[in-house]
Amino acid sequence: MGYWGEFRRYWPNLLGAGIGLAVGSALNHYLMNVFAPALIGEFGWSRAQFALVGSLGIVSLFLVPIAGRIVDKYGARVGAGIGFAVVPLGYLALSFMTGDIYQLYGILLVKNVFGVLTTGIVFSRVIVERFDAARGMALSLLMTGAPLMGAIAVPIAGEIIETEGWRIAYRIMAAASAMGGLFA
């Protein structure tokens, strides 16, 4: 099939995987700091309490092998389906927080547990199964999805938070994640 032939044949897989990666768990990493001032201001959390959110990612260390096994056994579609069943619900749950910092920690912990199934572990499998001659370039293009979405989403989310509030912004993230997950 050749280098360019792989792109002609499998571009829908590459596009779907890129969108899935862009609107999955990675999106939260780019946007969390945009939400910080509004959440800290409304709920009176200290910056130190909010900063602990970054440490929740350590859970992924233990979950990555499990996610890999799920993808090996059931395939990328099932893995991503599980992840995208939970991640948008996590964004929605964030929009209903009432002020207890442990709500934030708990929601993000659950989102991180299942969010591993919306990362490169799942979507790189889609690329590796289809691309051979152009595998390196396809994987490189795949990995641009999340930072590109982050660059687009940060100013938009900031504007929504400022004009409509952080709750609406989280609900929009939930919708974007759900639609992107379905597309992927």
Protein backbone atom coordinates (compact mmCIF):
# COMPACT_ATOMS: atom_id res chain seq x y z
CA MET A 1 0.00 0.00 0.00
CA GLY A 2 2.90 2.36 0.68
CA TYR A 3 3.45 5.42 2.84
CA TRP A 4 0.84 7.78 1.36
CA GLY A 5 -1.55 4.93 0.63
CA GLU A 6 -1.84 4.27 4.35
CA PHE A 7 -2.90 7.88 4.93
CA ARG A 8 -5.42 7.72 2.07
CA ARG A 9 -6.94 4.53 3.43
CA TYR A 10 -6.74 5.09 7.19
CA TRP A 11 -7.17 8.86 7.60
CA PRO A 12 -10.61 8.37 9.23
CA ASN A 13 -9.00 6.17 11.89
CA LEU A 14 -6.28 8.74 12.46
CA LEU A 15 -8.79 11.59 12.68
CA GLY A 16 -11.09 9.68 15.04
CA ALA A 17 -8.21 8.66 17.28
CA GLY A 18 -6.87 12.22 17.32
CA ILE A 19 -10.24 13.65 18.29
CA GLY A 20 -10.69 10.99 20.96
CA LEU A 21 -7.31 11.75 22.45
CA ALA A 22 -7.99 15.49 22.29
CA VAL A 23 -11.31 15.43 24.17
CA GLY A 24 -10.51 12.67 26.62
CA SER A 25 -8.70 12.88 29.90
CA ALA A 26 -5.96 15.08 28.46
CA LEU A 27 -8.34 18.01 28.06
CA ASN A 28 -8.65 18.31 31.82
CA HIS A 29 -4.88 18.68 32.18
CA TYR A 30 -4.87 21.70 29.89
CA LEU A 31 -7.90 23.35 31.46
CA MET A 32 -7.61 22.73 35.20
CA ASN A 33 -5.61 25.91 35.83
CA VAL A 34 -8.19 27.96 33.93
CA PHE A 35 -10.85 26.79 36.40
CA ALA A 36 -8.64 27.29 39.47
CA PRO A 37 -9.31 30.98 40.19
CA ALA A 38 -13.08 30.61 39.90
CA LEU A 39 -13.21 27.46 42.05
CA ILE A 40 -10.84 28.81 44.69
CA GLY A 41 -12.72 32.10 44.76
CA GLU A 42 -16.17 30.56 45.09
CA PHE A 43 -15.36 27.82 47.57
CA GLY A 44 -12.59 29.46 49.58
CA TRP A 45 -10.13 26.63 49.06
CA SER A 46 -6.48 27.39 49.61
CA ARG A 47 -4.11 27.21 46.68
CA ALA A 48 -2.31 24.39 48.48
CA GLN A 49 -5.53 22.36 48.68
CA PHE A 50 -6.18 22.94 45.00
CA ALA A 51 -2.59 22.10 44.09
CA LEU A 52 -3.08 18.59 45.49
CA VAL A 53 -5.22 17.88 42.43
CA GLY A 54 -1.97 17.45 40.50
CA SER A 55 -0.95 14.54 42.69
CA LEU A 56 -4.06 12.52 41.78
CA GLY A 57 -2.40 11.57 38.52
CA ILE A 58 -0.14 9.18 40.42
CA VAL A 59 -3.08 6.78 40.40
CA SER A 60 -2.48 6.38 36.67
CA LEU A 61 0.82 4.71 37.44
CA PHE A 62 -1.08 1.69 38.69
CA LEU A 63 -3.88 1.84 36.13
CA VAL A 64 -1.91 2.06 32.90
CA PRO A 65 -1.11 -1.68 32.83
CA ILE A 66 -4.77 -2.49 33.49
CA ALA A 67 -5.85 -0.18 30.68
CA GLY A 68 -3.33 -1.83 28.39
CA ARG A 69 -4.73 -5.25 29.24
CA ILE A 70 -8.30 -4.08 28.57
CA VAL A 71 -7.26 -2.81 25.15
CA ASP A 72 -5.34 -6.02 24.41
CA LYS A 73 -8.25 -8.22 25.40
CA TYR A 74 -11.28 -6.24 24.20
CA GLY A 75 -9.91 -3.75 21.70
CA ALA A 76 -9.60 0.01 21.50
CA ARG A 77 -13.29 0.59 20.78
CA VAL A 78 -14.41 -1.09 24.01
CA GLY A 79 -11.66 0.59 26.04
CA ALA A 80 -12.49 4.03 24.68
CA GLY A 81 -16.20 3.33 25.12
CA ILE A 82 -15.69 2.66 28.83
CA GLY A 83 -13.53 5.75 29.21
CA PHE A 84 -15.95 8.00 27.36
CA ALA A 85 -18.88 6.66 29.34
CA VAL A 86 -17.25 8.06 32.49
CA VAL A 87 -15.15 11.10 31.55
CA PRO A 88 -18.07 13.28 30.35
CA LEU A 89 -20.02 12.30 33.46
CA GLY A 90 -17.01 13.42 35.50
CA TYR A 91 -17.10 16.86 33.87
CA LEU A 92 -20.83 17.02 34.51
CA ALA A 93 -20.30 16.03 38.17
CA LEU A 94 -17.72 18.80 38.53
CA SER A 95 -20.38 21.30 37.48
CA PHE A 96 -22.52 20.28 40.46
CA MET A 97 -19.89 20.61 43.19
CA THR A 98 -21.07 22.25 46.41
CA GLY A 99 -17.79 23.31 47.96
CA ASP A 100 -16.21 20.39 49.78
CA ILE A 101 -12.68 19.98 48.44
CA TYR A 102 -13.06 16.22 48.83
CA GLN A 103 -15.81 16.32 46.21
CA LEU A 104 -13.26 17.71 43.78
CA TYR A 105 -10.70 15.09 44.75
CA GLY A 106 -13.22 12.24 44.52
CA ILE A 107 -14.62 13.27 41.15
CA LEU A 108 -11.17 13.75 39.69
CA LEU A 109 -9.99 10.45 41.13
CA VAL A 110 -12.82 8.54 39.43
CA LYS A 111 -12.26 10.55 36.26
CA ASN A 112 -8.55 9.66 36.33
CA VAL A 113 -9.26 5.96 36.92
CA PHE A 114 -11.46 5.66 33.85
CA GLY A 115 -9.84 8.51 31.96
CA VAL A 116 -6.79 6.33 31.34
CA LEU A 117 -8.99 4.66 28.73
CA THR A 118 -9.18 7.93 26.77
CA THR A 119 -5.42 8.39 26.43
CA GLY A 120 -2.69 7.39 24.01
CA ILE A 121 -2.72 3.86 25.42
CA VAL A 122 -6.00 3.25 23.62
CA PHE A 123 -5.71 5.51 20.62
CA SER A 124 -2.13 4.66 19.67
CA ARG A 125 -3.32 1.07 19.34
CA VAL A 126 -5.68 2.19 16.57
CA ILE A 127 -2.75 3.69 14.69
CA VAL A 128 -0.31 0.83 15.26
CA GLU A 129 -2.85 -1.70 13.98
CA ARG A 130 -3.34 0.17 10.70
CA PHE A 131 -0.17 2.04 9.84
CA ASP A 132 3.10 0.32 9.02
CA ALA A 133 5.20 2.35 6.58
CA ALA A 134 3.85 5.67 7.95
CA ARG A 135 3.50 4.58 11.57
CA GLY A 136 5.90 7.16 13.02
CA MET A 137 4.26 10.06 11.21
CA ALA A 138 0.75 8.81 12.04
CA LEU A 139 1.64 8.49 15.72
CA SER A 140 3.19 11.96 15.66
CA LEU A 141 0.05 13.42 14.12
CA LEU A 142 -2.09 11.57 16.67
CA MET A 143 -0.14 13.07 19.55
CA THR A 144 -0.75 16.62 18.26
CA GLY A 145 -4.50 16.29 18.92
CA ALA A 146 -4.43 16.95 22.66
CA PRO A 147 -2.10 20.00 22.68
CA LEU A 148 -3.91 21.48 19.70
CA MET A 149 -7.25 21.08 21.48
CA GLY A 150 -5.70 22.54 24.62
CA ALA A 151 -4.49 25.60 22.71
CA ILE A 152 -7.97 26.12 21.28
CA ALA A 153 -9.93 25.26 24.44
CA VAL A 154 -8.02 27.32 27.02
CA PRO A 155 -9.00 30.77 25.74
CA ILE A 156 -12.55 29.61 24.95
CA ALA A 157 -13.00 28.07 28.40
CA GLY A 158 -11.55 31.19 30.02
CA GLU A 159 -14.09 33.34 28.20
CA ILE A 160 -16.98 31.02 29.10
CA ILE A 161 -15.92 30.94 32.76
CA GLU A 162 -15.74 34.73 32.81
CA THR A 163 -19.07 35.35 31.06
CA GLU A 164 -21.24 32.32 31.90
CA GLY A 165 -19.51 30.79 34.92
CA TRP A 166 -17.45 27.72 35.66
CA ARG A 167 -20.46 25.41 35.97
CA ILE A 168 -21.54 26.11 32.39
CA ALA A 169 -17.95 25.68 31.21
CA TYR A 170 -17.77 22.21 32.81
CA ARG A 171 -21.09 21.28 31.19
CA ILE A 172 -19.79 22.35 27.81
CA MET A 173 -16.67 20.24 28.44
CA ALA A 174 -18.93 17.28 29.25
CA ALA A 175 -20.81 17.74 25.99
CA ALA A 176 -17.63 18.19 23.95
CA SER A 177 -16.06 15.11 25.52
CA ALA A 178 -19.19 13.00 24.95
CA MET A 179 -19.55 14.09 21.31
CA GLY A 180 -15.85 13.67 20.62
CA GLY A 181 -15.89 10.25 22.26
CA LEU A 182 -18.82 9.16 20.09
CA PHE A 183 -17.03 10.43 17.00
CA ALA A 184 -13.85 8.64 17.97
